[in-house]
Amino acid sequence: MICFIGLDDTDNKESRGTGFKSRQLGKLIEEKNIGEVQSISRHQLFVHDKIEYTSQNSSACLIVETNEYEELKSLCIDYIQDVAEIGSDAGLCVAPEDMISDNMINWGNRAKTEVLLKEDAYKIAQKACIFLEGYTGTKIGVIGSLAAIGLRKGGNDGRNIWLKGKELRDLEGVYKVSELKKIVNIQAIKTMDGELVKDEDRIEVGNWLRPPIQDNENTVIVEQSKNDENYEWKCVSKEYIKSISD
């Protein structure tokens, strides 16, 4: 079974953010042998004066392969209750992939441009028969945790902050396309124009590899290198990735 786990608003201005906490949750899931984490993605939500958020109003989604759904859900509940900071409005959503509805995908898209209400989030979750709960503060984190699952399932939003395989933060140097696909959970490597890069070509990955999600694939975006460099491609800038994935 593939499960999606959405987290939102677990932090305060003095603590580590939801992205960090989502990676720690992924580590815990694998340490407890409850599932195998495939990816963790960051999704940018609407920034507006009427919306309370800590710094950037982003939420996170984990994709986990598991045969222990109830144990996975219980672990997530215990974890978020343990790590949610004072002053946070933490929310948690857990849903088997085949139960993620079109309404949830639409909710995610709306959360990028609209001010939404937690009562409506609960209604959508109840209709889809998936788990959604708030734990601290006003509990408005349910809005973003549900949105994270919808956006990730939609397959064209956000960027990965962790992928199965070699730790993204440890990747540096030059790799062949075929090699990079083997060592980390990447499905596509494309130019900014959307052209696929040849498997035998070499890529300089830089020091900030955060593959965006495009057409339901974890995707590395590259641009041509200079003629005097010993590789054909290099990953695009951090600013470019942010511009297409926020």
C-alpha atoms as a PDB file:
ATOM      1  CA  MET A   1       0.000   0.000   0.000  1.00  0.00           C
ATOM      2  CA  ILE A   2       1.182   3.518  -0.827  1.00  0.00           C
ATOM      3  CA  CYS A   3       0.258   6.133   1.790  1.00  0.00           C
ATOM      4  CA  PHE A   4       0.546   9.899   1.679  1.00  0.00           C
ATOM      5  CA  ILE A   5       1.265  11.779   4.929  1.00  0.00           C
ATOM      6  CA  GLY A   6       0.702  15.540   5.125  1.00  0.00           C
ATOM      7  CA  LEU A   7       2.187  17.773   7.838  1.00  0.00           C
ATOM      8  CA  ASP A   8       1.672  21.482   8.404  1.00  0.00           C
ATOM      9  CA  ASP A   9       2.406  24.194  10.960  1.00  0.00           C
ATOM     10  CA  THR A  10       4.390  22.078  13.429  1.00  0.00           C
ATOM     11  CA  ASP A  11       6.885  24.818  14.260  1.00  0.00           C
ATOM     12  CA  ASN A  12       7.295  28.249  15.815  1.00  0.00           C
ATOM     13  CA  LYS A  13       9.692  31.094  15.034  1.00  0.00           C
ATOM     14  CA  GLU A  14      12.433  29.661  17.286  1.00  0.00           C
ATOM     15  CA  SER A  15      12.250  25.998  16.215  1.00  0.00           C
ATOM     16  CA  ARG A  16      13.263  23.900  13.223  1.00  0.00           C
ATOM     17  CA  GLY A  17      10.619  23.944  10.505  1.00  0.00           C
ATOM     18  CA  THR A  18       8.074  21.462   9.200  1.00  0.00           C
ATOM     19  CA  GLY A  19      10.489  20.337   6.470  1.00  0.00           C
ATOM     20  CA  PHE A  20      13.016  19.224   9.083  1.00  0.00           C
ATOM     21  CA  LYS A  21      10.332  17.527  11.143  1.00  0.00           C
ATOM     22  CA  SER A  22       9.014  15.682   8.084  1.00  0.00           C
ATOM     23  CA  ARG A  23      12.487  14.300   7.376  1.00  0.00           C
ATOM     24  CA  GLN A  24      12.799  13.203  10.999  1.00  0.00           C
ATOM     25  CA  LEU A  25       9.434  11.460  10.734  1.00  0.00           C
ATOM     26  CA  GLY A  26      10.602   9.651   7.607  1.00  0.00           C
ATOM     27  CA  LYS A  27      13.710   8.484   9.443  1.00  0.00           C
ATOM     28  CA  LEU A  28      11.592   7.238  12.346  1.00  0.00           C
ATOM     29  CA  ILE A  29       9.219   5.327  10.046  1.00  0.00           C
ATOM     30  CA  GLU A  30      12.127   3.389   8.584  1.00  0.00           C
ATOM     31  CA  GLU A  31      13.845   2.856  11.950  1.00  0.00           C
ATOM     32  CA  LYS A  32      10.626   1.274  13.262  1.00  0.00           C
ATOM     33  CA  ASN A  33      10.321  -0.878  10.092  1.00  0.00           C
ATOM     34  CA  ILE A  34       6.765   0.350   9.545  1.00  0.00           C
ATOM     35  CA  GLY A  35       7.304   1.431   5.951  1.00  0.00           C
ATOM     36  CA  GLU A  36       9.708   2.494   3.227  1.00  0.00           C
ATOM     37  CA  VAL A  37       9.776   6.208   2.514  1.00  0.00           C
ATOM     38  CA  GLN A  38       9.836   7.023  -1.211  1.00  0.00           C
ATOM     39  CA  SER A  39       9.944  10.813  -1.078  1.00  0.00           C
ATOM     40  CA  ILE A  40       9.304  13.914   1.016  1.00  0.00           C
ATOM     41  CA  SER A  41       8.168  17.063  -0.744  1.00  0.00           C
ATOM     42  CA  ARG A  42       7.665  20.720   0.140  1.00  0.00           C
ATOM     43  CA  HIS A  43       4.569  22.575  -1.062  1.00  0.00           C
ATOM     44  CA  GLN A  44       4.141  26.332  -0.963  1.00  0.00           C
ATOM     45  CA  LEU A  45       0.710  27.603   0.128  1.00  0.00           C
ATOM     46  CA  PHE A  46      -0.987  31.010  -0.097  1.00  0.00           C
ATOM     47  CA  VAL A  47       0.731  33.876   1.715  1.00  0.00           C
ATOM     48  CA  HIS A  48      -1.901  36.341   2.918  1.00  0.00           C
ATOM     49  CA  ASP A  49      -2.465  38.672   5.882  1.00  0.00           C
ATOM     50  CA  LYS A  50      -5.504  36.620   6.915  1.00  0.00           C
ATOM     51  CA  ILE A  51      -3.464  33.412   7.149  1.00  0.00           C
ATOM     52  CA  GLU A  52      -1.314  32.706  10.197  1.00  0.00           C
ATOM     53  CA  TYR A  53       1.986  31.000   9.408  1.00  0.00           C
ATOM     54  CA  THR A  54       5.473  30.813  10.855  1.00  0.00           C
ATOM     55  CA  SER A  55       7.805  31.897   8.048  1.00  0.00           C
ATOM     56  CA  GLN A  56       6.866  30.795   4.504  1.00  0.00           C
ATOM     57  CA  ASN A  57       3.536  28.935   4.819  1.00  0.00           C
ATOM     58  CA  SER A  58       4.763  25.686   3.325  1.00  0.00           C
ATOM     59  CA  SER A  59       3.601  22.169   4.127  1.00  0.00           C
ATOM     60  CA  ALA A  60       5.198  18.754   3.596  1.00  0.00           C
ATOM     61  CA  CYS A  61       4.107  15.412   2.176  1.00  0.00           C
ATOM     62  CA  LEU A  62       5.709  12.011   2.700  1.00  0.00           C
ATOM     63  CA  ILE A  63       5.014   9.108   0.340  1.00  0.00           C
ATOM     64  CA  VAL A  64       5.428   5.800   2.162  1.00  0.00           C
ATOM     65  CA  GLU A  65       5.084   2.198   1.016  1.00  0.00           C
ATOM     66  CA  THR A  66       3.720   0.144   3.902  1.00  0.00           C
ATOM     67  CA  ASN A  67       1.833  -2.991   4.875  1.00  0.00           C
ATOM     68  CA  GLU A  68       1.099  -1.546   8.327  1.00  0.00           C
ATOM     69  CA  TYR A  69      -1.353   1.307   7.794  1.00  0.00           C
ATOM     70  CA  GLU A  70      -2.724   1.478  11.350  1.00  0.00           C
ATOM     71  CA  GLU A  71       0.753   1.289  12.876  1.00  0.00           C
ATOM     72  CA  LEU A  72       1.953   3.982  10.478  1.00  0.00           C
ATOM     73  CA  LYS A  73      -0.935   6.269  11.366  1.00  0.00           C
ATOM     74  CA  SER A  74      -0.398   5.724  15.109  1.00  0.00           C
ATOM     75  CA  LEU A  75       3.301   6.485  14.783  1.00  0.00           C
ATOM     76  CA  CYS A  76       2.551   9.724  12.918  1.00  0.00           C
ATOM     77  CA  ILE A  77       0.023  10.794  15.558  1.00  0.00           C
ATOM     78  CA  ASP A  78       2.442  10.115  18.405  1.00  0.00           C
ATOM     79  CA  TYR A  79       5.245  11.880  16.549  1.00  0.00           C
ATOM     80  CA  ILE A  80       3.366  15.070  15.755  1.00  0.00           C
ATOM     81  CA  GLN A  81       1.996  15.292  19.287  1.00  0.00           C
ATOM     82  CA  ASP A  82       5.564  14.970  20.556  1.00  0.00           C
ATOM     83  CA  VAL A  83       7.265  17.481  18.223  1.00  0.00           C
ATOM     84  CA  ALA A  84       4.585  20.139  17.640  1.00  0.00           C
ATOM     85  CA  GLU A  85       5.983  23.320  19.174  1.00  0.00           C
ATOM     86  CA  ILE A  86       4.340  25.712  21.606  1.00  0.00           C
ATOM     87  CA  GLY A  87       2.548  28.325  19.538  1.00  0.00           C
ATOM     88  CA  SER A  88       2.110  26.036  16.520  1.00  0.00           C
ATOM     89  CA  ASP A  89      -1.183  25.005  14.893  1.00  0.00           C
ATOM     90  CA  ALA A  90      -0.146  21.508  13.870  1.00  0.00           C
ATOM     91  CA  GLY A  91      -2.158  19.385  11.462  1.00  0.00           C
ATOM     92  CA  LEU A  92      -1.748  15.800  10.241  1.00  0.00           C
ATOM     93  CA  CYS A  93      -3.343  14.008   7.300  1.00  0.00           C
ATOM     94  CA  VAL A  94      -2.803  10.317   6.449  1.00  0.00           C
ATOM     95  CA  ALA A  95      -4.384   8.766   3.359  1.00  0.00           C
ATOM     96  CA  PRO A  96      -3.908   5.631   1.254  1.00  0.00           C
ATOM     97  CA  GLU A  97      -3.157   6.769  -2.276  1.00  0.00           C
ATOM     98  CA  ASP A  98      -6.264   5.145  -3.760  1.00  0.00           C
ATOM     99  CA  MET A  99      -8.466   7.135  -1.354  1.00  0.00           C
ATOM    100  CA  ILE A 100      -7.155  10.565  -2.368  1.00  0.00           C
ATOM    101  CA  SER A 101     -10.113  12.186  -4.114  1.00  0.00           C
ATOM    102  CA  ASP A 102     -10.389  14.831  -6.805  1.00  0.00           C
ATOM    103  CA  ASN A 103     -11.832  17.097  -4.103  1.00  0.00           C
ATOM    104  CA  MET A 104      -8.569  16.767  -2.168  1.00  0.00           C
ATOM    105  CA  ILE A 105      -6.509  17.609  -5.252  1.00  0.00           C
ATOM    106  CA  ASN A 106      -8.724  20.620  -5.882  1.00  0.00           C
ATOM    107  CA  TRP A 107      -8.342  21.657  -2.233  1.00  0.00           C
ATOM    108  CA  GLY A 108      -4.576  21.630  -2.642  1.00  0.00           C
ATOM    109  CA  ASN A 109      -4.761  23.828  -5.720  1.00  0.00           C
ATOM    110  CA  ARG A 110      -7.115  26.261  -3.972  1.00  0.00           C
ATOM    111  CA  ALA A 111      -4.777  26.454  -0.965  1.00  0.00           C
ATOM    112  CA  LYS A 112      -2.181  28.121  -3.188  1.00  0.00           C
ATOM    113  CA  THR A 113      -4.425  31.081  -4.051  1.00  0.00           C
ATOM    114  CA  GLU A 114      -7.278  31.255  -1.502  1.00  0.00           C
ATOM    115  CA  VAL A 115      -7.916  31.752   2.201  1.00  0.00           C
ATOM    116  CA  LEU A 116      -9.569  28.498   3.273  1.00  0.00           C
ATOM    117  CA  LEU A 117     -11.380  27.270   6.396  1.00  0.00           C
ATOM    118  CA  LYS A 118     -10.500  24.277   8.542  1.00  0.00           C
ATOM    119  CA  GLU A 119     -14.179  23.278   8.769  1.00  0.00           C
ATOM    120  CA  ASP A 120     -14.218  22.706   5.011  1.00  0.00           C
ATOM    121  CA  ALA A 121     -11.024  20.659   5.223  1.00  0.00           C
ATOM    122  CA  TYR A 122     -12.665  18.342   7.747  1.00  0.00           C
ATOM    123  CA  LYS A 123     -15.708  17.943   5.497  1.00  0.00           C
ATOM    124  CA  ILE A 124     -13.564  16.906   2.537  1.00  0.00           C
ATOM    125  CA  ALA A 125     -11.598  14.428   4.649  1.00  0.00           C
ATOM    126  CA  GLN A 126     -14.758  12.962   6.152  1.00  0.00           C
ATOM    127  CA  LYS A 127     -16.327  12.475   2.726  1.00  0.00           C
ATOM    128  CA  ALA A 128     -13.170  10.741   1.469  1.00  0.00           C
ATOM    129  CA  CYS A 129     -12.931   8.633   4.669  1.00  0.00           C
ATOM    130  CA  ILE A 130      -9.314   9.643   5.319  1.00  0.00           C
ATOM    131  CA  PHE A 131      -7.594  10.678   8.556  1.00  0.00           C
ATOM    132  CA  LEU A 132      -7.254  14.413   9.278  1.00  0.00           C
ATOM    133  CA  GLU A 133      -6.635  15.945  12.702  1.00  0.00           C
ATOM    134  CA  GLY A 134      -5.332  19.113  14.315  1.00  0.00           C
ATOM    135  CA  TYR A 135      -3.306  18.991  17.521  1.00  0.00           C
ATOM    136  CA  THR A 136      -2.163  22.388  18.760  1.00  0.00           C
ATOM    137  CA  GLY A 137      -3.318  25.992  18.815  1.00  0.00           C
ATOM    138  CA  THR A 138      -6.219  26.782  16.508  1.00  0.00           C
ATOM    139  CA  LYS A 139      -5.616  23.508  14.599  1.00  0.00           C
ATOM    140  CA  ILE A 140      -5.597  25.320  11.248  1.00  0.00           C
ATOM    141  CA  GLY A 141      -2.694  23.089  10.220  1.00  0.00           C
ATOM    142  CA  VAL A 142      -5.346  20.689   8.930  1.00  0.00           C
ATOM    143  CA  ILE A 143      -5.779  23.054   5.969  1.00  0.00           C
ATOM    144  CA  GLY A 144      -2.168  22.730   4.865  1.00  0.00           C
ATOM    145  CA  SER A 145      -1.717  19.055   5.714  1.00  0.00           C
ATOM    146  CA  LEU A 146      -4.716  18.144   3.550  1.00  0.00           C
ATOM    147  CA  ALA A 147      -3.441  20.504   0.836  1.00  0.00           C
ATOM    148  CA  ALA A 148       0.006  18.869   0.850  1.00  0.00           C
ATOM    149  CA  ILE A 149      -1.511  15.486   0.061  1.00  0.00           C
ATOM    150  CA  GLY A 150      -3.736  16.923  -2.654  1.00  0.00           C
ATOM    151  CA  LEU A 151      -0.896  18.847  -4.278  1.00  0.00           C
ATOM    152  CA  ARG A 152       1.482  15.884  -4.220  1.00  0.00           C
ATOM    153  CA  LYS A 153      -1.133  13.558  -5.663  1.00  0.00           C
ATOM    154  CA  GLY A 154      -1.847  16.133  -8.376  1.00  0.00           C
ATOM    155  CA  GLY A 155       1.725  15.577  -9.516  1.00  0.00           C
ATOM    156  CA  ASN A 156       2.718  19.063 -10.680  1.00  0.00           C
ATOM    157  CA  ASP A 157       3.587  21.032  -7.565  1.00  0.00           C
ATOM    158  CA  GLY A 158       6.397  21.406  -5.089  1.00  0.00           C
ATOM    159  CA  ARG A 159       9.932  20.110  -4.834  1.00  0.00           C
ATOM    160  CA  ASN A 160      11.478  17.129  -3.097  1.00  0.00           C
ATOM    161  CA  ILE A 161      13.506  17.747   0.042  1.00  0.00           C
ATOM    162  CA  TRP A 162      14.304  14.033   0.490  1.00  0.00           C
ATOM    163  CA  LEU A 163      14.301  11.058  -1.871  1.00  0.00           C
ATOM    164  CA  LYS A 164      14.883   7.346  -1.417  1.00  0.00           C
ATOM    165  CA  GLY A 165      18.514   6.522  -2.103  1.00  0.00           C
ATOM    166  CA  LYS A 166      21.537   8.717  -1.534  1.00  0.00           C
ATOM    167  CA  GLU A 167      20.811  11.705   0.705  1.00  0.00           C
ATOM    168  CA  LEU A 168      20.155  14.770  -1.473  1.00  0.00           C
ATOM    169  CA  ARG A 169      22.233  16.938   0.823  1.00  0.00           C
ATOM    170  CA  ASP A 170      25.242  14.664   0.238  1.00  0.00           C
ATOM    171  CA  LEU A 171      25.055  14.718  -3.551  1.00  0.00           C
ATOM    172  CA  GLU A 172      27.784  16.780  -5.199  1.00  0.00           C
ATOM    173  CA  GLY A 173      30.067  16.508  -8.186  1.00  0.00           C
ATOM    174  CA  VAL A 174      29.495  15.005 -11.637  1.00  0.00           C
ATOM    175  CA  TYR A 175      27.276  12.003 -12.437  1.00  0.00           C
ATOM    176  CA  LYS A 176      26.133  10.260 -15.575  1.00  0.00           C
ATOM    177  CA  VAL A 177      22.365  10.526 -16.027  1.00  0.00           C
ATOM    178  CA  SER A 178      22.003   6.732 -15.807  1.00  0.00           C
ATOM    179  CA  GLU A 179      24.071   6.658 -12.609  1.00  0.00           C
ATOM    180  CA  LEU A 180      22.111   9.439 -10.934  1.00  0.00           C
ATOM    181  CA  LYS A 181      18.828   7.634 -11.607  1.00  0.00           C
ATOM    182  CA  LYS A 182      20.215   4.494  -9.962  1.00  0.00           C
ATOM    183  CA  ILE A 183      21.414   6.092  -6.742  1.00  0.00           C
ATOM    184  CA  VAL A 184      18.431   8.329  -5.997  1.00  0.00           C
ATOM    185  CA  ASN A 185      14.681   8.113  -6.674  1.00  0.00           C
ATOM    186  CA  ILE A 186      14.604  10.321  -9.792  1.00  0.00           C
ATOM    187  CA  GLN A 187      12.464   9.473 -12.804  1.00  0.00           C
ATOM    188  CA  ALA A 188      13.333  12.238 -15.274  1.00  0.00           C
ATOM    189  CA  ILE A 189      16.173  14.618 -16.108  1.00  0.00           C
ATOM    190  CA  LYS A 190      15.138  17.419 -18.444  1.00  0.00           C
ATOM    191  CA  THR A 191      16.276  20.723 -19.879  1.00  0.00           C
ATOM    192  CA  MET A 192      14.378  23.911 -19.082  1.00  0.00           C
ATOM    193  CA  ASP A 193      12.597  23.399 -22.421  1.00  0.00           C
ATOM    194  CA  GLY A 194      11.373  19.977 -21.332  1.00  0.00           C
ATOM    195  CA  GLU A 195      13.732  17.888 -23.475  1.00  0.00           C
ATOM    196  CA  LEU A 196      14.963  14.621 -21.937  1.00  0.00           C
ATOM    197  CA  VAL A 197      18.719  14.331 -21.392  1.00  0.00           C
ATOM    198  CA  LYS A 198      20.598  11.270 -22.732  1.00  0.00           C
ATOM    199  CA  ASP A 199      21.514   8.567 -20.225  1.00  0.00           C
ATOM    200  CA  GLU A 200      25.204   8.738 -21.138  1.00  0.00           C
ATOM    201  CA  ASP A 201      25.460  12.521 -20.607  1.00  0.00           C
ATOM    202  CA  ARG A 202      27.155  13.935 -17.497  1.00  0.00           C
ATOM    203  CA  ILE A 203      25.639  16.384 -15.015  1.00  0.00           C
ATOM    204  CA  GLU A 204      27.180  18.620 -12.377  1.00  0.00           C
ATOM    205  CA  VAL A 205      24.570  18.470  -9.598  1.00  0.00           C
ATOM    206  CA  GLY A 206      25.790  21.455  -7.584  1.00  0.00           C
ATOM    207  CA  ASN A 207      25.148  21.673  -3.841  1.00  0.00           C
ATOM    208  CA  TRP A 208      21.365  22.194  -3.707  1.00  0.00           C
ATOM    209  CA  LEU A 209      19.596  19.353  -5.516  1.00  0.00           C
ATOM    210  CA  ARG A 210      15.855  19.688  -4.850  1.00  0.00           C
ATOM    211  CA  PRO A 211      14.065  17.883  -7.703  1.00  0.00           C
ATOM    212  CA  PRO A 212      10.681  19.454  -8.501  1.00  0.00           C
ATOM    213  CA  ILE A 213       7.636  17.284  -9.227  1.00  0.00           C
ATOM    214  CA  GLN A 214       6.485  17.467 -12.841  1.00  0.00           C
ATOM    215  CA  ASP A 215       3.995  15.119 -14.519  1.00  0.00           C
ATOM    216  CA  ASN A 216       4.089  12.930 -11.397  1.00  0.00           C
ATOM    217  CA  GLU A 217       7.847  12.434 -11.735  1.00  0.00           C
ATOM    218  CA  ASN A 218      10.729  13.487  -9.507  1.00  0.00           C
ATOM    219  CA  THR A 219      12.548  15.637 -12.036  1.00  0.00           C
ATOM    220  CA  VAL A 220      16.012  17.171 -12.253  1.00  0.00           C
ATOM    221  CA  ILE A 221      16.169  20.331 -14.386  1.00  0.00           C
ATOM    222  CA  VAL A 222      19.453  21.136 -16.144  1.00  0.00           C
ATOM    223  CA  GLU A 223      21.027  23.686 -18.441  1.00  0.00           C
ATOM    224  CA  GLN A 224      23.995  23.345 -20.807  1.00  0.00           C
ATOM    225  CA  SER A 225      27.453  23.755 -19.337  1.00  0.00           C
ATOM    226  CA  LYS A 226      30.235  25.914 -20.743  1.00  0.00           C
ATOM    227  CA  ASN A 227      32.405  24.457 -23.494  1.00  0.00           C
ATOM    228  CA  ASP A 228      35.490  24.228 -21.270  1.00  0.00           C
ATOM    229  CA  GLU A 229      33.801  22.122 -18.577  1.00  0.00           C
ATOM    230  CA  ASN A 230      34.102  18.328 -18.496  1.00  0.00           C
ATOM    231  CA  TYR A 231      30.365  17.691 -18.372  1.00  0.00           C
ATOM    232  CA  GLU A 232      27.483  18.442 -20.719  1.00  0.00           C
ATOM    233  CA  TRP A 233      24.943  19.757 -18.220  1.00  0.00           C
ATOM    234  CA  LYS A 234      24.609  21.407 -14.831  1.00  0.00           C
ATOM    235  CA  CYS A 235      21.629  21.729 -12.529  1.00  0.00           C
ATOM    236  CA  VAL A 236      19.770  25.014 -12.762  1.00  0.00           C
ATOM    237  CA  SER A 237      20.014  27.556  -9.959  1.00  0.00           C
ATOM    238  CA  LYS A 238      18.244  27.392  -6.625  1.00  0.00           C
ATOM    239  CA  GLU A 239      16.314  30.532  -7.595  1.00  0.00           C
ATOM    240  CA  TYR A 240      15.017  28.913 -10.782  1.00  0.00           C
ATOM    241  CA  ILE A 241      13.858  25.788  -8.942  1.00  0.00           C
ATOM    242  CA  LYS A 242      12.063  27.936  -6.379  1.00  0.00           C
ATOM    243  CA  SER A 243      10.406  29.947  -9.156  1.00  0.00           C
ATOM    244  CA  ILE A 244       8.875  26.838 -10.777  1.00  0.00           C
ATOM    245  CA  SER A 245       8.046  24.868  -7.634  1.00  0.00           C
ATOM    246  CA  ASP A 246       6.690  27.429  -5.142  1.00  0.00           C
END
